[in-house]
Amino acid sequence: MTDSVHSGFGLLEKAGLVLLAIQIAVIASMFVQNGLDDLPNGFLFVAMITSLMIAANRRLARDEQVRGSAGWIVAWRGAALALLAVITVFVVFYRYLPLVTPETAGRGIYALLWGVIALKGAAMGKLKPGGAIGLRVPWTLNSRLAWEKAHRTLGRILFWFGLIGLVVSLVIPPMVSIGLWFATVLSGVTLALVEARQTWRADPERLAK
C-alpha cells in the first residue's frame, strides 16, 4: 500500500481521535454538572460510532485488499466523520452552551488550547527537514535523522497528551489545565531536543559545524 493511502487513513484516525476526545469531554462535563440523565438522547451512541470508525480505519489501513479503492474509502469515511463532527457541534451549541457558567467558559477556552496542540502534534511529523517551522537547533539542522527524530517524538507527546488534556479539560479547574498544558509543551520540546541530539551524535552523515 502506498504512502498516500497510509497517510489518508492516518489522517482519518487522528481526526477521529480528536473528535472522540471532544465528545468524551462534553459527556464528562455534562455528567459532572447534571448526571447522565441530562445527556442528549443518542449522544453516547454517536461517541460509540466515532470510536468504531477509528477502529475500522486502523484495520483498513493494514488491509492490502483495499489498495485499489482506498481513495474512495478515505473520501466517504471522511464525509461520515465530518457528519459526526457536525452532530457534535450541534449538541455542544444547543445543549451544552446554554448551561455554561463563567468557570466552564474558561475551561472551554483551555479545551481549545489542548485541541490545538493535539492537531499540531498530528502534523509535526510531516514538517520538512530544515524548514522554517520546527525545532531549528544546530543538531536538527545538520542531521536529517535528528530532525525526524525530534519531530516524531514531539508530535507523539503533543498529540496523545493533547487528547488526554482535551478529555479532562472541561472537568478540571482552568488553572490546573493551563499548568498541565505548559508542562506538556515544555517537557515535549525538552525530550525531543535531547533525543535529537543523541541521534545527531550517532549520525555518520551529519554535517559537522
Protein backbone atom coordinates (compact mmCIF):
# COMPACT_ATOMS: atom_id res chain seq x y z
CA MET A 1 0.00 0.00 0.00
CA THR A 2 1.32 3.40 -0.94
CA ASP A 3 2.38 6.09 1.48
CA SER A 4 -0.52 8.30 0.33
CA VAL A 5 -3.02 5.60 1.31
CA HIS A 6 -1.42 5.20 4.73
CA SER A 7 -1.40 8.99 5.07
CA GLY A 8 -5.13 9.19 4.26
CA PHE A 9 -6.13 6.57 6.80
CA GLY A 10 -3.70 8.01 9.34
CA LEU A 11 -5.24 11.45 8.96
CA LEU A 12 -8.74 9.99 9.40
CA GLU A 13 -7.64 8.14 12.53
CA LYS A 14 -6.10 11.22 14.14
CA ALA A 15 -9.06 13.42 13.23
CA GLY A 16 -11.38 10.79 14.67
CA LEU A 17 -9.40 10.62 17.90
CA VAL A 18 -9.61 14.40 18.33
CA LEU A 19 -13.37 14.29 17.70
CA LEU A 20 -13.81 11.41 20.14
CA ALA A 21 -11.83 13.30 22.79
CA ILE A 22 -14.17 16.28 22.36
CA GLN A 23 -17.21 14.03 22.68
CA ILE A 24 -15.88 12.39 25.84
CA ALA A 25 -15.05 15.81 27.30
CA VAL A 26 -18.63 17.01 26.70
CA ILE A 27 -20.09 13.82 28.17
CA ALA A 28 -17.83 14.08 31.23
CA SER A 29 -18.73 17.74 31.76
CA MET A 30 -22.47 17.08 31.49
CA PHE A 31 -22.15 14.14 33.86
CA VAL A 32 -20.31 16.23 36.46
CA GLN A 33 -22.89 19.01 36.25
CA ASN A 34 -26.19 17.16 35.98
CA GLY A 35 -25.62 13.42 35.75
CA LEU A 36 -26.07 11.18 32.74
CA ASP A 37 -29.83 11.74 32.71
CA ASP A 38 -29.23 15.17 31.15
CA LEU A 39 -27.24 13.82 28.20
CA PRO A 40 -28.92 14.34 24.80
CA ASN A 41 -30.61 11.22 23.51
CA GLY A 42 -28.26 9.31 21.25
CA PHE A 43 -25.09 11.29 22.03
CA LEU A 44 -23.48 8.30 23.70
CA PHE A 45 -24.38 6.34 20.57
CA VAL A 46 -22.65 8.99 18.43
CA ALA A 47 -19.48 8.66 20.52
CA MET A 48 -19.65 4.88 20.15
CA ILE A 49 -19.97 5.18 16.35
CA THR A 50 -16.94 7.51 16.31
CA SER A 51 -14.85 5.00 18.26
CA LEU A 52 -15.93 2.16 15.95
CA MET A 53 -14.94 4.21 12.90
CA ILE A 54 -11.49 4.84 14.39
CA ALA A 55 -11.01 1.11 14.97
CA ALA A 56 -12.23 0.27 11.46
CA ASN A 57 -9.90 2.84 9.86
CA ARG A 58 -6.92 1.31 11.64
CA ARG A 59 -7.91 -2.15 10.39
CA LEU A 60 -8.44 -0.94 6.82
CA ALA A 61 -5.06 0.82 6.81
CA ARG A 62 -3.43 -2.61 7.28
CA ASP A 63 -5.59 -4.39 4.68
CA GLU A 64 -3.77 -4.78 1.36
CA GLN A 65 -7.04 -5.67 -0.41
CA VAL A 66 -8.31 -2.08 -0.22
CA ARG A 67 -5.39 -0.72 -2.24
CA GLY A 68 -7.38 -0.06 -5.39
CA SER A 69 -10.38 1.57 -3.71
CA ALA A 70 -8.56 3.23 -0.82
CA GLY A 71 -9.17 6.74 -2.18
CA TRP A 72 -12.93 6.24 -2.26
CA ILE A 73 -12.95 4.62 1.16
CA VAL A 74 -11.00 7.51 2.68
CA ALA A 75 -13.35 10.00 0.99
CA TRP A 76 -16.64 8.53 2.20
CA ARG A 77 -15.29 7.78 5.66
CA GLY A 78 -14.05 11.35 5.85
CA ALA A 79 -17.55 12.53 4.95
CA ALA A 80 -19.05 10.29 7.65
CA LEU A 81 -16.57 11.65 10.19
CA ALA A 82 -17.48 15.20 9.15
CA LEU A 83 -21.16 14.38 9.74
CA LEU A 84 -20.35 13.11 13.23
CA ALA A 85 -18.43 16.33 13.85
CA VAL A 86 -21.47 18.38 12.76
CA ILE A 87 -23.70 16.42 15.14
CA THR A 88 -21.20 17.01 17.95
CA VAL A 89 -21.09 20.75 17.23
CA PHE A 90 -24.91 20.84 17.20
CA VAL A 91 -25.05 19.17 20.62
CA VAL A 92 -22.40 21.50 22.05
CA PHE A 93 -24.09 24.67 20.81
CA TYR A 94 -27.71 23.78 21.53
CA ARG A 95 -27.49 21.63 24.63
CA TYR A 96 -24.17 22.40 26.32
CA LEU A 97 -23.53 26.12 25.81
CA PRO A 98 -26.82 27.27 27.43
CA LEU A 99 -25.59 25.60 30.65
CA VAL A 100 -22.16 27.24 30.55
CA THR A 101 -21.07 29.34 33.53
CA PRO A 102 -18.07 31.74 33.57
CA GLU A 103 -15.94 28.96 35.05
CA THR A 104 -16.90 26.40 32.42
CA ALA A 105 -16.36 29.04 29.72
CA GLY A 106 -12.75 29.31 30.87
CA ARG A 107 -12.48 25.55 30.69
CA GLY A 108 -13.77 25.69 27.14
CA ILE A 109 -11.00 28.11 26.16
CA TYR A 110 -8.37 25.81 27.59
CA ALA A 111 -10.03 22.86 25.85
CA LEU A 112 -9.36 24.69 22.58
CA LEU A 113 -5.69 25.04 23.56
CA TRP A 114 -5.50 21.29 24.17
CA GLY A 115 -7.13 20.69 20.80
CA VAL A 116 -4.59 22.95 19.12
CA ILE A 117 -1.55 21.09 20.45
CA ALA A 118 -3.17 17.74 19.60
CA LEU A 119 -3.62 18.89 16.00
CA LYS A 120 -0.10 20.34 15.91
CA GLY A 121 1.21 17.03 17.19
CA ALA A 122 -0.62 15.19 14.41
CA ALA A 123 1.10 17.36 11.80
CA MET A 124 4.53 17.61 13.45
CA GLY A 125 5.99 14.54 11.78
CA LYS A 126 5.21 15.99 8.32
CA LEU A 127 7.49 19.02 8.67
CA LYS A 128 10.24 19.09 6.08
CA PRO A 129 13.83 18.97 7.40
CA GLY A 130 15.32 22.42 7.71
CA GLY A 131 12.01 24.15 7.11
CA ALA A 132 11.04 27.48 8.57
CA ILE A 133 8.69 25.81 11.06
CA GLY A 134 10.00 23.33 13.62
CA LEU A 135 12.75 22.79 16.15
CA ARG A 136 15.56 24.70 14.49
CA VAL A 137 18.67 24.00 16.55
CA PRO A 138 22.18 23.17 15.25
CA TRP A 139 21.86 19.41 15.57
CA THR A 140 18.44 19.19 13.87
CA LEU A 141 19.52 21.49 11.03
CA ASN A 142 22.69 19.47 10.39
CA SER A 143 21.17 15.99 10.51
CA ARG A 144 18.06 14.76 8.75
CA LEU A 145 17.78 11.85 11.17
CA ALA A 146 17.93 14.19 14.16
CA TRP A 147 15.24 16.44 12.63
CA GLU A 148 12.91 13.49 12.01
CA LYS A 149 13.54 12.01 15.46
CA ALA A 150 12.86 15.32 17.20
CA HIS A 151 9.60 15.99 15.40
CA ARG A 152 8.29 12.44 15.66
CA THR A 153 8.95 12.48 19.40
CA LEU A 154 7.42 15.93 19.89
CA GLY A 155 4.47 15.02 17.66
CA ARG A 156 3.61 11.92 19.68
CA ILE A 157 3.81 13.76 23.00
CA LEU A 158 1.71 16.71 21.85
CA PHE A 159 -0.87 14.52 20.13
CA TRP A 160 -1.51 11.93 22.85
CA PHE A 161 -1.19 14.26 25.82
CA GLY A 162 -3.25 16.80 23.91
CA LEU A 163 -6.02 14.22 23.59
CA ILE A 164 -5.84 13.39 27.30
CA GLY A 165 -5.89 17.07 28.21
CA LEU A 166 -8.84 17.66 25.90
CA VAL A 167 -10.81 14.86 27.54
CA VAL A 168 -10.35 16.21 31.09
CA SER A 169 -10.22 19.94 30.29
CA LEU A 170 -13.94 20.54 30.87
CA VAL A 171 -13.96 18.98 34.34
CA ILE A 172 -10.69 20.12 35.95
CA PRO A 173 -10.03 23.68 37.22
CA PRO A 174 -8.81 26.06 34.49
CA MET A 175 -5.59 26.91 36.32
CA VAL A 176 -4.72 23.22 36.61
CA SER A 177 -5.48 22.76 32.92
CA ILE A 178 -3.25 25.61 31.77
CA GLY A 179 -0.45 24.46 34.09
CA LEU A 180 -0.58 20.96 32.62
CA TRP A 181 -0.70 22.47 29.13
CA PHE A 182 2.55 24.39 29.62
CA ALA A 183 4.15 21.36 31.29
CA THR A 184 3.21 19.17 28.32
CA VAL A 185 4.67 21.57 25.77
CA LEU A 186 7.86 22.19 27.78
CA SER A 187 8.50 18.52 28.53
CA GLY A 188 7.75 17.55 24.92
CA VAL A 189 10.19 20.08 23.48
CA THR A 190 12.87 19.16 26.03
CA LEU A 191 12.61 15.41 25.42
CA ALA A 192 12.54 15.92 21.65
CA LEU A 193 15.71 18.03 21.72
CA VAL A 194 17.53 15.56 23.98
CA GLU A 195 16.70 12.62 21.73
CA ALA A 196 17.55 14.65 18.63
CA ARG A 197 21.00 15.50 19.98
CA GLN A 198 21.67 11.84 20.75
CA THR A 199 20.58 10.92 17.22
CA TRP A 200 22.77 13.67 15.75
CA ARG A 201 25.84 12.44 17.61
CA ALA A 202 25.29 8.90 16.27
CA ASP A 203 24.53 10.02 12.69
CA PRO A 204 27.54 9.31 10.45
CA GLU A 205 26.10 11.58 7.74
CA ARG A 206 25.70 14.64 9.94
CA LEU A 207 27.18 17.93 8.87
CA ALA A 208 29.81 18.89 11.44
CA LYS A 209 29.69 22.61 12.01
